[in-house]
Amino acid sequence: MSSIIQIKGLSKSYGSQQVLDDLSVDYEPGQFIGLLGPNGCGKTTLIKILTGLINDYKGEVLIDGHKPDVHTKNIIAYLPEKSYLADWMRPVDTIKYMADFYADFDSEKAIKMLDTFKLPPKQKIKSMSKGMQEKLQLLLVVCRNAKLYVLDEPIGGVDPAARAFILDVILKNLPQGSTVLISTHLIHDVEGVFDRVLMIGNGKVLRNEKVHAGLMGEQTIEDVFKEVFSYAW
């Protein structure tokens, strides 16, 4: 099976600061990948390279066999950490906005998911809570029929009681065979859905492993994370 993400010798610096240092990973389609690491370790930079927002780097990055280009942007559904929606918009406006931009956007599914997430269709974004805004942006991404979903801290502002429900909705609404790369600090809430974990620190790959029963002994992924990154705090 051909790789959905293939990275060889990826390095990226901002001036004298080395953010990514000779990263190499290879992932087949159909996996839920956890991208984990402390603040400043290069997670968001890696995501921006994969999504084509940063292109001045060293090494090779291929998405579905292509360097980041028009094709890769068409098959990637990207949820950035910060909101990209205008304050004046309402959920019904955002659905029309996405449908105009992406041929693979399912407006009918999006309308139904507004009800699932209990989001008023005509409430302005500026009057929504942070959690409501995050649910709306996540909804818009999930309603793309993409090959690769890249989610940067998708549920940080969501009530802890709602996280399991939202993750379940996401999993049930993704196309079969699609791949999800999720960067998160909420490991305890999402580690049960990971097929693989990629832990990076100081710009390097520290752990890149499949997740299955017994992989990490009696430890949880969160336990391993705390051990691997004990230096960060």
C-alpha atoms as a PDB file:
ATOM      1  CA  MET A   1       0.000   0.000   0.000  1.00  0.00           C
ATOM      2  CA  SER A   2       1.403   3.436  -0.940  1.00  0.00           C
ATOM      3  CA  SER A   3       2.126   5.943   1.818  1.00  0.00           C
ATOM      4  CA  ILE A   4      -0.248   8.790   2.635  1.00  0.00           C
ATOM      5  CA  ILE A   5       2.553  10.628   4.498  1.00  0.00           C
ATOM      6  CA  GLN A   6       6.228  10.139   3.670  1.00  0.00           C
ATOM      7  CA  ILE A   7       8.899  12.337   5.222  1.00  0.00           C
ATOM      8  CA  LYS A   8      12.642  11.938   4.673  1.00  0.00           C
ATOM      9  CA  GLY A   9      15.308  14.031   6.375  1.00  0.00           C
ATOM     10  CA  LEU A  10      13.015  16.953   7.134  1.00  0.00           C
ATOM     11  CA  SER A  11      14.720  19.926   8.764  1.00  0.00           C
ATOM     12  CA  LYS A  12      13.420  23.422   9.391  1.00  0.00           C
ATOM     13  CA  SER A  13      15.004  26.421  11.099  1.00  0.00           C
ATOM     14  CA  TYR A  14      13.833  29.903  11.978  1.00  0.00           C
ATOM     15  CA  GLY A  15      17.039  31.862  11.802  1.00  0.00           C
ATOM     16  CA  SER A  16      19.483  30.172  14.184  1.00  0.00           C
ATOM     17  CA  GLN A  17      16.731  28.153  15.903  1.00  0.00           C
ATOM     18  CA  GLN A  18      16.489  24.547  14.703  1.00  0.00           C
ATOM     19  CA  VAL A  19      12.832  23.518  15.011  1.00  0.00           C
ATOM     20  CA  LEU A  20      12.835  20.230  13.069  1.00  0.00           C
ATOM     21  CA  ASP A  21      16.011  18.179  12.804  1.00  0.00           C
ATOM     22  CA  ASP A  22      16.258  15.354  10.250  1.00  0.00           C
ATOM     23  CA  LEU A  23      12.756  13.892  10.745  1.00  0.00           C
ATOM     24  CA  SER A  24      11.881  10.743   8.798  1.00  0.00           C
ATOM     25  CA  VAL A  25       8.523   8.925   9.090  1.00  0.00           C
ATOM     26  CA  ASP A  26       6.298   6.918   6.759  1.00  0.00           C
ATOM     27  CA  TYR A  27       2.581   6.214   7.246  1.00  0.00           C
ATOM     28  CA  GLU A  28       0.155   4.056   5.300  1.00  0.00           C
ATOM     29  CA  PRO A  29      -3.455   5.262   4.878  1.00  0.00           C
ATOM     30  CA  GLY A  30      -6.278   4.443   7.263  1.00  0.00           C
ATOM     31  CA  GLN A  31      -4.587   5.220  10.583  1.00  0.00           C
ATOM     32  CA  PHE A  32      -5.328   7.538  13.494  1.00  0.00           C
ATOM     33  CA  ILE A  33      -1.957   9.087  14.380  1.00  0.00           C
ATOM     34  CA  GLY A  34      -1.260  11.007  17.577  1.00  0.00           C
ATOM     35  CA  LEU A  35       1.327  13.777  17.165  1.00  0.00           C
ATOM     36  CA  LEU A  36       2.621  14.427  20.681  1.00  0.00           C
ATOM     37  CA  GLY A  37       5.208  16.663  22.268  1.00  0.00           C
ATOM     38  CA  PRO A  38       5.650  19.645  24.614  1.00  0.00           C
ATOM     39  CA  ASN A  39       5.116  23.241  23.529  1.00  0.00           C
ATOM     40  CA  GLY A  40       7.774  24.459  21.114  1.00  0.00           C
ATOM     41  CA  CYS A  41       8.837  20.989  19.966  1.00  0.00           C
ATOM     42  CA  GLY A  42       7.903  21.608  16.309  1.00  0.00           C
ATOM     43  CA  LYS A  43       4.429  20.029  16.060  1.00  0.00           C
ATOM     44  CA  THR A  44       2.710  23.051  14.525  1.00  0.00           C
ATOM     45  CA  THR A  45       5.629  23.671  12.162  1.00  0.00           C
ATOM     46  CA  LEU A  46       5.398  20.063  10.971  1.00  0.00           C
ATOM     47  CA  ILE A  47       1.654  20.442  10.452  1.00  0.00           C
ATOM     48  CA  LYS A  48       2.119  23.656   8.471  1.00  0.00           C
ATOM     49  CA  ILE A  49       4.667  21.926   6.238  1.00  0.00           C
ATOM     50  CA  LEU A  50       2.316  18.992   5.613  1.00  0.00           C
ATOM     51  CA  THR A  51      -0.538  21.351   4.748  1.00  0.00           C
ATOM     52  CA  GLY A  52       1.578  23.474   2.407  1.00  0.00           C
ATOM     53  CA  LEU A  53       1.659  26.618   4.567  1.00  0.00           C
ATOM     54  CA  ILE A  54       5.447  26.432   5.000  1.00  0.00           C
ATOM     55  CA  ASN A  55       7.606  25.446   2.032  1.00  0.00           C
ATOM     56  CA  ASP A  56      11.115  26.679   2.887  1.00  0.00           C
ATOM     57  CA  TYR A  57      12.503  23.517   4.469  1.00  0.00           C
ATOM     58  CA  LYS A  58      15.150  20.896   3.779  1.00  0.00           C
ATOM     59  CA  GLY A  59      14.343  17.268   3.027  1.00  0.00           C
ATOM     60  CA  GLU A  60      11.477  15.545   1.243  1.00  0.00           C
ATOM     61  CA  VAL A  61       7.792  15.652   2.164  1.00  0.00           C
ATOM     62  CA  LEU A  62       5.232  13.678   0.151  1.00  0.00           C
ATOM     63  CA  ILE A  63       1.473  13.536   0.725  1.00  0.00           C
ATOM     64  CA  ASP A  64      -0.233  10.818  -1.305  1.00  0.00           C
ATOM     65  CA  GLY A  65       2.924  10.711  -3.425  1.00  0.00           C
ATOM     66  CA  HIS A  66       2.948  14.472  -4.119  1.00  0.00           C
ATOM     67  CA  LYS A  67       5.020  17.302  -2.757  1.00  0.00           C
ATOM     68  CA  PRO A  68       2.654  19.787  -1.057  1.00  0.00           C
ATOM     69  CA  ASP A  69       0.741  21.364  -3.939  1.00  0.00           C
ATOM     70  CA  VAL A  70      -2.778  21.890  -5.291  1.00  0.00           C
ATOM     71  CA  HIS A  71      -3.450  18.135  -5.235  1.00  0.00           C
ATOM     72  CA  THR A  72      -2.447  17.733  -1.596  1.00  0.00           C
ATOM     73  CA  LYS A  73      -4.499  20.749  -0.524  1.00  0.00           C
ATOM     74  CA  ASN A  74      -7.515  19.167  -2.200  1.00  0.00           C
ATOM     75  CA  ILE A  75      -7.165  15.919  -0.256  1.00  0.00           C
ATOM     76  CA  ILE A  76      -6.255  17.420   3.152  1.00  0.00           C
ATOM     77  CA  ALA A  77      -8.865  18.722   5.579  1.00  0.00           C
ATOM     78  CA  TYR A  78      -6.990  20.988   7.991  1.00  0.00           C
ATOM     79  CA  LEU A  79      -8.129  22.298  11.360  1.00  0.00           C
ATOM     80  CA  PRO A  80      -5.722  24.986  12.626  1.00  0.00           C
ATOM     81  CA  GLU A  81      -5.300  25.711  16.323  1.00  0.00           C
ATOM     82  CA  LYS A  82      -6.607  29.261  15.923  1.00  0.00           C
ATOM     83  CA  SER A  83     -10.002  30.200  14.494  1.00  0.00           C
ATOM     84  CA  TYR A  84     -10.140  31.228  10.840  1.00  0.00           C
ATOM     85  CA  LEU A  85     -13.851  32.144  10.729  1.00  0.00           C
ATOM     86  CA  ALA A  86     -15.100  35.750  10.712  1.00  0.00           C
ATOM     87  CA  ASP A  87     -16.983  36.954  13.797  1.00  0.00           C
ATOM     88  CA  TRP A  88     -20.010  38.041  11.766  1.00  0.00           C
ATOM     89  CA  MET A  89     -20.569  34.542  10.357  1.00  0.00           C
ATOM     90  CA  ARG A  90     -23.248  32.152  11.570  1.00  0.00           C
ATOM     91  CA  PRO A  91     -23.011  28.346  11.219  1.00  0.00           C
ATOM     92  CA  VAL A  92     -25.265  28.474   8.133  1.00  0.00           C
ATOM     93  CA  ASP A  93     -22.872  31.016   6.587  1.00  0.00           C
ATOM     94  CA  THR A  94     -19.822  28.861   7.327  1.00  0.00           C
ATOM     95  CA  ILE A  95     -21.449  25.851   5.683  1.00  0.00           C
ATOM     96  CA  LYS A  96     -22.110  27.850   2.501  1.00  0.00           C
ATOM     97  CA  TYR A  97     -18.552  29.214   2.672  1.00  0.00           C
ATOM     98  CA  MET A  98     -17.040  25.721   2.850  1.00  0.00           C
ATOM     99  CA  ALA A  99     -19.303  24.376   0.106  1.00  0.00           C
ATOM    100  CA  ASP A 100     -18.124  27.192  -2.190  1.00  0.00           C
ATOM    101  CA  PHE A 101     -14.473  26.346  -1.511  1.00  0.00           C
ATOM    102  CA  TYR A 102     -14.471  22.542  -1.485  1.00  0.00           C
ATOM    103  CA  ALA A 103     -16.207  20.242  -3.959  1.00  0.00           C
ATOM    104  CA  ASP A 104     -15.980  17.390  -1.435  1.00  0.00           C
ATOM    105  CA  PHE A 105     -17.827  19.275   1.331  1.00  0.00           C
ATOM    106  CA  ASP A 106     -21.094  17.611   2.406  1.00  0.00           C
ATOM    107  CA  SER A 107     -23.513  20.441   3.265  1.00  0.00           C
ATOM    108  CA  GLU A 108     -26.351  18.076   4.137  1.00  0.00           C
ATOM    109  CA  LYS A 109     -24.200  16.227   6.670  1.00  0.00           C
ATOM    110  CA  ALA A 110     -23.029  19.548   8.109  1.00  0.00           C
ATOM    111  CA  ILE A 111     -26.598  20.744   8.697  1.00  0.00           C
ATOM    112  CA  LYS A 112     -27.420  17.500  10.505  1.00  0.00           C
ATOM    113  CA  MET A 113     -24.269  17.734  12.633  1.00  0.00           C
ATOM    114  CA  LEU A 114     -25.223  21.230  13.801  1.00  0.00           C
ATOM    115  CA  ASP A 115     -28.096  19.556  15.600  1.00  0.00           C
ATOM    116  CA  THR A 116     -25.857  16.726  16.841  1.00  0.00           C
ATOM    117  CA  PHE A 117     -23.459  19.262  18.378  1.00  0.00           C
ATOM    118  CA  LYS A 118     -26.346  21.469  19.564  1.00  0.00           C
ATOM    119  CA  LEU A 119     -25.116  24.495  17.615  1.00  0.00           C
ATOM    120  CA  PRO A 120     -27.757  27.142  16.778  1.00  0.00           C
ATOM    121  CA  PRO A 121     -27.586  27.560  12.970  1.00  0.00           C
ATOM    122  CA  LYS A 122     -28.113  31.333  13.057  1.00  0.00           C
ATOM    123  CA  GLN A 123     -26.102  32.367  16.111  1.00  0.00           C
ATOM    124  CA  LYS A 124     -23.185  34.641  15.263  1.00  0.00           C
ATOM    125  CA  ILE A 125     -19.746  33.218  15.952  1.00  0.00           C
ATOM    126  CA  LYS A 126     -18.734  36.258  18.005  1.00  0.00           C
ATOM    127  CA  SER A 127     -21.409  35.386  20.592  1.00  0.00           C
ATOM    128  CA  MET A 128     -20.399  31.708  20.826  1.00  0.00           C
ATOM    129  CA  SER A 129     -18.245  30.239  23.582  1.00  0.00           C
ATOM    130  CA  LYS A 130     -14.764  28.955  22.721  1.00  0.00           C
ATOM    131  CA  GLY A 131     -16.053  25.387  22.981  1.00  0.00           C
ATOM    132  CA  MET A 132     -18.934  26.087  20.585  1.00  0.00           C
ATOM    133  CA  GLN A 133     -16.550  27.690  18.084  1.00  0.00           C
ATOM    134  CA  GLU A 134     -14.218  24.690  18.269  1.00  0.00           C
ATOM    135  CA  LYS A 135     -17.093  22.279  17.704  1.00  0.00           C
ATOM    136  CA  LEU A 136     -18.214  24.293  14.669  1.00  0.00           C
ATOM    137  CA  GLN A 137     -14.732  24.331  13.112  1.00  0.00           C
ATOM    138  CA  LEU A 138     -14.308  20.617  13.784  1.00  0.00           C
ATOM    139  CA  LEU A 139     -17.703  19.926  12.221  1.00  0.00           C
ATOM    140  CA  LEU A 140     -16.706  21.807   9.070  1.00  0.00           C
ATOM    141  CA  VAL A 141     -13.508  19.773   8.729  1.00  0.00           C
ATOM    142  CA  VAL A 142     -15.185  16.417   9.364  1.00  0.00           C
ATOM    143  CA  CYS A 143     -17.771  17.173   6.665  1.00  0.00           C
ATOM    144  CA  ARG A 144     -15.035  17.186   4.032  1.00  0.00           C
ATOM    145  CA  ASN A 145     -14.630  13.895   2.155  1.00  0.00           C
ATOM    146  CA  ALA A 146     -10.844  14.032   2.493  1.00  0.00           C
ATOM    147  CA  LYS A 147      -8.059  11.466   2.430  1.00  0.00           C
ATOM    148  CA  LEU A 148      -6.085  13.103   5.240  1.00  0.00           C
ATOM    149  CA  TYR A 149      -7.436  15.033   8.229  1.00  0.00           C
ATOM    150  CA  VAL A 150      -4.902  17.184  10.077  1.00  0.00           C
ATOM    151  CA  LEU A 151      -6.214  18.465  13.408  1.00  0.00           C
ATOM    152  CA  ASP A 152      -4.171  20.858  15.566  1.00  0.00           C
ATOM    153  CA  GLU A 153      -5.468  20.825  19.176  1.00  0.00           C
ATOM    154  CA  PRO A 154      -9.084  20.253  18.100  1.00  0.00           C
ATOM    155  CA  ILE A 155     -10.880  19.918  21.460  1.00  0.00           C
ATOM    156  CA  GLY A 156      -8.874  22.006  23.912  1.00  0.00           C
ATOM    157  CA  GLY A 157     -11.775  24.357  24.637  1.00  0.00           C
ATOM    158  CA  VAL A 158     -14.468  21.680  24.779  1.00  0.00           C
ATOM    159  CA  ASP A 159     -16.000  20.618  28.086  1.00  0.00           C
ATOM    160  CA  PRO A 160     -14.258  17.419  29.303  1.00  0.00           C
ATOM    161  CA  ALA A 161     -17.611  15.653  29.573  1.00  0.00           C
ATOM    162  CA  ALA A 162     -18.257  16.249  25.869  1.00  0.00           C
ATOM    163  CA  ARG A 163     -14.874  15.117  24.506  1.00  0.00           C
ATOM    164  CA  ALA A 164     -15.650  11.394  24.322  1.00  0.00           C
ATOM    165  CA  PHE A 165     -18.926  12.134  22.551  1.00  0.00           C
ATOM    166  CA  ILE A 166     -17.263  14.459  20.042  1.00  0.00           C
ATOM    167  CA  LEU A 167     -14.477  11.958  19.289  1.00  0.00           C
ATOM    168  CA  ASP A 168     -17.079   9.255  18.735  1.00  0.00           C
ATOM    169  CA  VAL A 169     -18.951  11.499  16.292  1.00  0.00           C
ATOM    170  CA  ILE A 170     -15.713  12.242  14.435  1.00  0.00           C
ATOM    171  CA  LEU A 171     -14.808   8.575  14.073  1.00  0.00           C
ATOM    172  CA  LYS A 172     -18.268   7.644  12.840  1.00  0.00           C
ATOM    173  CA  ASN A 173     -18.314  10.398  10.206  1.00  0.00           C
ATOM    174  CA  LEU A 174     -14.892  10.001   8.604  1.00  0.00           C
ATOM    175  CA  PRO A 175     -14.677   8.280   5.202  1.00  0.00           C
ATOM    176  CA  GLN A 176     -13.474   4.692   5.288  1.00  0.00           C
ATOM    177  CA  GLY A 177      -9.735   4.447   4.661  1.00  0.00           C
ATOM    178  CA  SER A 178      -9.014   8.062   5.575  1.00  0.00           C
ATOM    179  CA  THR A 179      -6.098   9.043   7.801  1.00  0.00           C
ATOM    180  CA  VAL A 180      -6.185  11.360  10.828  1.00  0.00           C
ATOM    181  CA  LEU A 181      -3.167  13.174  12.245  1.00  0.00           C
ATOM    182  CA  ILE A 182      -4.085  14.844  15.520  1.00  0.00           C
ATOM    183  CA  SER A 183      -1.831  17.056  17.615  1.00  0.00           C
ATOM    184  CA  THR A 184      -3.070  17.279  21.194  1.00  0.00           C
ATOM    185  CA  HIS A 185      -2.094  17.773  24.815  1.00  0.00           C
ATOM    186  CA  LEU A 186      -5.255  15.967  25.962  1.00  0.00           C
ATOM    187  CA  ILE A 187      -3.681  12.536  25.676  1.00  0.00           C
ATOM    188  CA  HIS A 188      -5.828  10.862  28.317  1.00  0.00           C
ATOM    189  CA  ASP A 189      -9.010  11.835  26.451  1.00  0.00           C
ATOM    190  CA  VAL A 190      -7.971  10.620  23.005  1.00  0.00           C
ATOM    191  CA  GLU A 191      -5.293   7.939  23.406  1.00  0.00           C
ATOM    192  CA  GLY A 192      -7.868   5.162  23.047  1.00  0.00           C
ATOM    193  CA  VAL A 193      -8.349   5.965  19.345  1.00  0.00           C
ATOM    194  CA  PHE A 194      -4.657   6.117  18.371  1.00  0.00           C
ATOM    195  CA  ASP A 195      -3.273   3.503  15.965  1.00  0.00           C
ATOM    196  CA  ARG A 196       0.175   5.111  16.118  1.00  0.00           C
ATOM    197  CA  VAL A 197       1.943   7.714  18.207  1.00  0.00           C
ATOM    198  CA  LEU A 198       4.651  10.056  16.978  1.00  0.00           C
ATOM    199  CA  MET A 199       6.449  11.845  19.804  1.00  0.00           C
ATOM    200  CA  ILE A 200       8.836  14.607  18.831  1.00  0.00           C
ATOM    201  CA  GLY A 201      11.080  16.677  21.077  1.00  0.00           C
ATOM    202  CA  ASN A 202      13.811  19.194  20.330  1.00  0.00           C
ATOM    203  CA  GLY A 203      12.927  18.720  16.674  1.00  0.00           C
ATOM    204  CA  LYS A 204      13.666  14.984  16.617  1.00  0.00           C
ATOM    205  CA  VAL A 205      11.598  11.791  16.527  1.00  0.00           C
ATOM    206  CA  LEU A 206      11.688  10.262  20.028  1.00  0.00           C
ATOM    207  CA  ARG A 207       8.984   7.597  19.649  1.00  0.00           C
ATOM    208  CA  ASN A 208       7.189   6.445  16.493  1.00  0.00           C
ATOM    209  CA  GLU A 209       5.277   3.260  17.187  1.00  0.00           C
ATOM    210  CA  LYS A 210       2.110   1.313  16.585  1.00  0.00           C
ATOM    211  CA  VAL A 211      -0.291   1.190  19.499  1.00  0.00           C
ATOM    212  CA  HIS A 212      -1.666  -2.179  20.510  1.00  0.00           C
ATOM    213  CA  ALA A 213      -2.252  -4.189  23.652  1.00  0.00           C
ATOM    214  CA  GLY A 214       0.981  -4.630  25.561  1.00  0.00           C
ATOM    215  CA  LEU A 215       3.064  -2.301  23.393  1.00  0.00           C
ATOM    216  CA  MET A 216       4.016  -0.121  26.317  1.00  0.00           C
ATOM    217  CA  GLY A 217       3.658  -2.722  29.069  1.00  0.00           C
ATOM    218  CA  GLU A 218       1.312  -1.608  31.821  1.00  0.00           C
ATOM    219  CA  GLN A 219       1.842   2.041  30.967  1.00  0.00           C
ATOM    220  CA  THR A 220      -0.627   4.294  29.202  1.00  0.00           C
ATOM    221  CA  ILE A 221       0.475   6.530  26.339  1.00  0.00           C
ATOM    222  CA  GLU A 222       0.193   9.443  28.764  1.00  0.00           C
ATOM    223  CA  ASP A 223       2.576   7.682  31.187  1.00  0.00           C
ATOM    224  CA  VAL A 224       5.109   7.148  28.407  1.00  0.00           C
ATOM    225  CA  PHE A 225       4.697  10.760  27.314  1.00  0.00           C
ATOM    226  CA  LYS A 226       5.532  11.998  30.808  1.00  0.00           C
ATOM    227  CA  GLU A 227       8.654   9.829  30.932  1.00  0.00           C
ATOM    228  CA  VAL A 228       9.888  10.758  27.465  1.00  0.00           C
ATOM    229  CA  PHE A 229       9.374  14.483  28.029  1.00  0.00           C
ATOM    230  CA  SER A 230      10.320  14.741  31.696  1.00  0.00           C
ATOM    231  CA  TYR A 231      13.128  17.108  30.631  1.00  0.00           C
ATOM    232  CA  ALA A 232      10.570  19.658  29.405  1.00  0.00           C
ATOM    233  CA  TRP A 233       9.424  20.438  32.930  1.00  0.00           C
END
